[in-house]
Structures are given as structure tokens and as C-alpha cells.
Amino acid sequence: MTIAAPGWTFDAQLEEDEWHMLWLNSPNLVTGKRQGRYLLSAVLTIGWRIVNASPEEQAMLEAHGFGSRRVQ
């Protein structure tokens, strides 16, 4: 999925943890390992936006109550 944060846009992987929380994982472009992990609900409240989501990611968002209105 593509995320727009103030001043930058990046690709992230949407992941659900064992407590059914959704996280954004952003990879380090050099090593490929996880660079940042952000709680989706928290970053959406501070103004980050979902720019693009795959059908699988969209289904996960909708299953967690985020719905299609979150993808802009």
C-alpha cells in the first residue's frame, strides 16, 4: 500500500498482529528489512493518508472498520 504522510510518500506493508491490530511496516530500501512500524489507527489520526491499497489490503481495512473512505 502507498501512504502519504506530511512531506513524504512511501510504500508499506499492511500487517495484522496477534491482537488484531493493523500495522504499517515500511522496509529499508537498501537492506529490505523492516525500518519502521506504525500503528495504522494512530497515524491516520495525525493526518497520514492511504493513497493506494491492493484488493487484499482493502478487504483487510474493511474487515477492521476502516472502509473504502480511507483510501484517497
N, C-alpha and C. Protein backbone atom coordinates (compact mmCIF):
# COMPACT_ATOMS: atom_id res chain seq x y z
N MET A 1 0.84 -1.16 0.00
CA MET A 1 0.00 0.00 0.00
C MET A 1 0.88 1.22 0.00
N THR A 2 0.32 2.32 -0.50
CA THR A 2 1.06 3.58 -0.54
C THR A 2 0.46 4.52 0.49
N ILE A 3 1.34 5.13 1.27
CA ILE A 3 0.94 6.03 2.35
C ILE A 3 1.49 7.42 2.07
N ALA A 4 0.66 8.44 2.30
CA ALA A 4 1.13 9.83 2.20
C ALA A 4 1.13 10.41 3.62
N ALA A 5 2.31 10.81 4.05
CA ALA A 5 2.48 11.49 5.33
C ALA A 5 2.92 12.91 5.00
N PRO A 6 2.75 13.84 5.91
CA PRO A 6 3.17 15.21 5.61
C PRO A 6 4.63 15.27 5.17
N GLY A 7 4.84 15.69 3.94
CA GLY A 7 6.19 15.85 3.41
C GLY A 7 6.79 14.65 2.71
N TRP A 8 6.12 13.50 2.74
CA TRP A 8 6.68 12.32 2.06
C TRP A 8 5.62 11.29 1.78
N THR A 9 5.90 10.44 0.81
CA THR A 9 5.03 9.33 0.43
C THR A 9 5.90 8.08 0.40
N PHE A 10 5.36 6.98 0.90
CA PHE A 10 6.15 5.75 0.93
C PHE A 10 5.26 4.52 0.79
N ASP A 11 5.88 3.42 0.40
CA ASP A 11 5.18 2.14 0.31
C ASP A 11 5.35 1.40 1.63
N ALA A 12 4.29 0.75 2.05
CA ALA A 12 4.32 -0.01 3.30
C ALA A 12 3.52 -1.29 3.14
N GLN A 13 3.81 -2.23 3.98
CA GLN A 13 3.07 -3.48 4.00
C GLN A 13 2.09 -3.42 5.17
N LEU A 14 0.85 -3.77 4.91
CA LEU A 14 -0.18 -3.80 5.95
C LEU A 14 -0.13 -5.17 6.62
N GLU A 15 -0.10 -5.17 7.95
CA GLU A 15 0.02 -6.43 8.69
C GLU A 15 -0.90 -6.40 9.90
N GLU A 16 -1.50 -7.54 10.18
CA GLU A 16 -2.34 -7.70 11.37
C GLU A 16 -1.56 -8.50 12.41
N ASP A 17 -1.54 -8.03 13.66
CA ASP A 17 -0.81 -8.77 14.70
C ASP A 17 -1.75 -9.74 15.43
N GLU A 18 -1.22 -10.41 16.42
CA GLU A 18 -1.99 -11.42 17.14
C GLU A 18 -3.15 -10.83 17.95
N TRP A 19 -3.15 -9.52 18.18
CA TRP A 19 -4.25 -8.86 18.89
C TRP A 19 -5.21 -8.18 17.92
N HIS A 20 -5.06 -8.48 16.62
CA HIS A 20 -5.93 -7.97 15.55
C HIS A 20 -5.79 -6.46 15.34
N MET A 21 -4.60 -5.95 15.64
CA MET A 21 -4.30 -4.55 15.36
C MET A 21 -3.62 -4.49 13.99
N LEU A 22 -3.89 -3.42 13.24
CA LEU A 22 -3.27 -3.25 11.93
C LEU A 22 -2.05 -2.34 12.03
N TRP A 23 -0.97 -2.79 11.42
CA TRP A 23 0.30 -2.07 11.44
C TRP A 23 0.78 -1.81 10.02
N LEU A 24 1.49 -0.71 9.83
CA LEU A 24 2.18 -0.41 8.59
C LEU A 24 3.66 -0.70 8.81
N ASN A 25 4.22 -1.54 7.98
CA ASN A 25 5.65 -1.84 8.04
C ASN A 25 6.31 -1.25 6.81
N SER A 26 7.28 -0.39 7.03
CA SER A 26 8.00 0.19 5.89
C SER A 26 9.38 -0.43 5.83
N PRO A 27 9.77 -0.94 4.64
CA PRO A 27 11.08 -1.57 4.51
C PRO A 27 12.19 -0.56 4.28
N ASN A 28 13.38 -0.91 4.72
CA ASN A 28 14.57 -0.16 4.38
C ASN A 28 14.89 -0.49 2.93
N LEU A 29 15.03 0.49 2.08
CA LEU A 29 15.22 0.24 0.66
C LEU A 29 16.56 -0.41 0.34
N VAL A 30 17.53 -0.32 1.23
CA VAL A 30 18.84 -0.91 0.98
C VAL A 30 18.87 -2.36 1.46
N THR A 31 18.45 -2.60 2.70
CA THR A 31 18.56 -3.94 3.28
C THR A 31 17.32 -4.79 3.07
N GLY A 32 16.17 -4.16 2.85
CA GLY A 32 14.93 -4.89 2.70
C GLY A 32 14.29 -5.26 4.03
N LYS A 33 15.00 -5.03 5.12
CA LYS A 33 14.46 -5.33 6.45
C LYS A 33 13.53 -4.20 6.89
N ARG A 34 12.68 -4.51 7.88
CA ARG A 34 11.73 -3.50 8.36
C ARG A 34 12.48 -2.31 8.95
N GLN A 35 12.10 -1.13 8.52
CA GLN A 35 12.72 0.10 9.01
C GLN A 35 11.82 0.77 10.02
N GLY A 36 10.52 0.80 9.75
CA GLY A 36 9.59 1.46 10.65
C GLY A 36 8.32 0.64 10.79
N ARG A 37 7.69 0.74 11.94
CA ARG A 37 6.42 0.06 12.17
C ARG A 37 5.50 1.06 12.83
N TYR A 38 4.34 1.27 12.21
CA TYR A 38 3.42 2.30 12.66
C TYR A 38 2.03 1.71 12.85
N LEU A 39 1.39 2.03 13.95
CA LEU A 39 0.02 1.59 14.20
C LEU A 39 -0.90 2.38 13.27
N LEU A 40 -1.62 1.68 12.42
CA LEU A 40 -2.44 2.33 11.39
C LEU A 40 -3.43 3.33 11.99
N SER A 41 -4.16 2.93 13.00
CA SER A 41 -5.17 3.83 13.57
C SER A 41 -4.54 5.11 14.11
N ALA A 42 -3.34 5.02 14.67
CA ALA A 42 -2.67 6.20 15.22
C ALA A 42 -2.22 7.16 14.13
N VAL A 43 -1.61 6.62 13.06
CA VAL A 43 -1.09 7.52 12.03
C VAL A 43 -2.21 8.16 11.21
N LEU A 44 -3.34 7.48 11.08
CA LEU A 44 -4.46 8.10 10.37
C LEU A 44 -5.02 9.28 11.17
N THR A 45 -4.94 9.22 12.48
CA THR A 45 -5.46 10.33 13.29
C THR A 45 -4.55 11.56 13.24
N ILE A 46 -3.29 11.38 12.87
CA ILE A 46 -2.39 12.53 12.79
C ILE A 46 -2.22 13.05 11.36
N GLY A 47 -3.06 12.54 10.45
CA GLY A 47 -3.08 13.12 9.12
C GLY A 47 -2.46 12.31 8.00
N TRP A 48 -1.93 11.14 8.31
CA TRP A 48 -1.43 10.30 7.23
C TRP A 48 -2.62 9.79 6.44
N ARG A 49 -2.42 9.53 5.13
CA ARG A 49 -3.50 9.07 4.27
C ARG A 49 -3.08 7.81 3.52
N ILE A 50 -4.04 6.96 3.27
CA ILE A 50 -3.81 5.79 2.42
C ILE A 50 -4.09 6.24 0.99
N VAL A 51 -3.08 6.20 0.15
CA VAL A 51 -3.20 6.65 -1.23
C VAL A 51 -3.65 5.52 -2.14
N ASN A 52 -3.13 4.32 -1.88
CA ASN A 52 -3.43 3.18 -2.73
C ASN A 52 -3.37 1.92 -1.89
N ALA A 53 -4.29 1.01 -2.14
CA ALA A 53 -4.30 -0.28 -1.43
C ALA A 53 -4.69 -1.37 -2.41
N SER A 54 -4.06 -2.52 -2.28
CA SER A 54 -4.40 -3.67 -3.11
C SER A 54 -5.79 -4.18 -2.70
N PRO A 55 -6.42 -5.00 -3.52
CA PRO A 55 -7.72 -5.56 -3.13
C PRO A 55 -7.64 -6.33 -1.81
N GLU A 56 -6.53 -7.03 -1.56
CA GLU A 56 -6.37 -7.78 -0.31
C GLU A 56 -6.27 -6.82 0.88
N GLU A 57 -5.50 -5.77 0.69
CA GLU A 57 -5.36 -4.77 1.76
C GLU A 57 -6.68 -4.05 2.01
N GLN A 58 -7.39 -3.74 0.93
CA GLN A 58 -8.69 -3.07 1.07
C GLN A 58 -9.65 -3.96 1.86
N ALA A 59 -9.65 -5.26 1.58
CA ALA A 59 -10.51 -6.19 2.31
C ALA A 59 -10.14 -6.21 3.80
N MET A 60 -8.84 -6.18 4.09
CA MET A 60 -8.39 -6.17 5.48
C MET A 60 -8.82 -4.88 6.17
N LEU A 61 -8.70 -3.75 5.47
CA LEU A 61 -9.13 -2.47 6.03
C LEU A 61 -10.63 -2.50 6.35
N GLU A 62 -11.42 -2.98 5.41
CA GLU A 62 -12.87 -3.04 5.60
C GLU A 62 -13.25 -3.98 6.74
N ALA A 63 -12.53 -5.10 6.88
CA ALA A 63 -12.80 -6.04 7.96
C ALA A 63 -12.52 -5.43 9.33
N HIS A 64 -11.68 -4.41 9.36
CA HIS A 64 -11.33 -3.74 10.62
C HIS A 64 -12.06 -2.42 10.79
N GLY A 65 -13.04 -2.17 9.94
CA GLY A 65 -13.86 -0.98 10.10
C GLY A 65 -13.31 0.30 9.49
N PHE A 66 -12.27 0.20 8.69
CA PHE A 66 -11.72 1.40 8.07
C PHE A 66 -12.46 1.77 6.78
N GLY A 67 -12.98 0.79 6.07
CA GLY A 67 -13.81 1.05 4.91
C GLY A 67 -13.10 1.74 3.77
N SER A 68 -13.79 1.81 2.64
CA SER A 68 -13.19 2.36 1.43
C SER A 68 -12.98 3.87 1.51
N ARG A 69 -13.63 4.54 2.42
CA ARG A 69 -13.46 6.01 2.52
C ARG A 69 -12.06 6.40 2.95
N ARG A 70 -11.28 5.45 3.48
CA ARG A 70 -9.91 5.76 3.94
C ARG A 70 -8.92 5.82 2.79
N VAL A 71 -9.20 5.16 1.68
CA VAL A 71 -8.27 5.19 0.55
C VAL A 71 -8.62 6.41 -0.27
N GLN A 72 -7.64 7.30 -0.44
CA GLN A 72 -7.91 8.57 -1.13
C GLN A 72 -7.12 8.66 -2.40
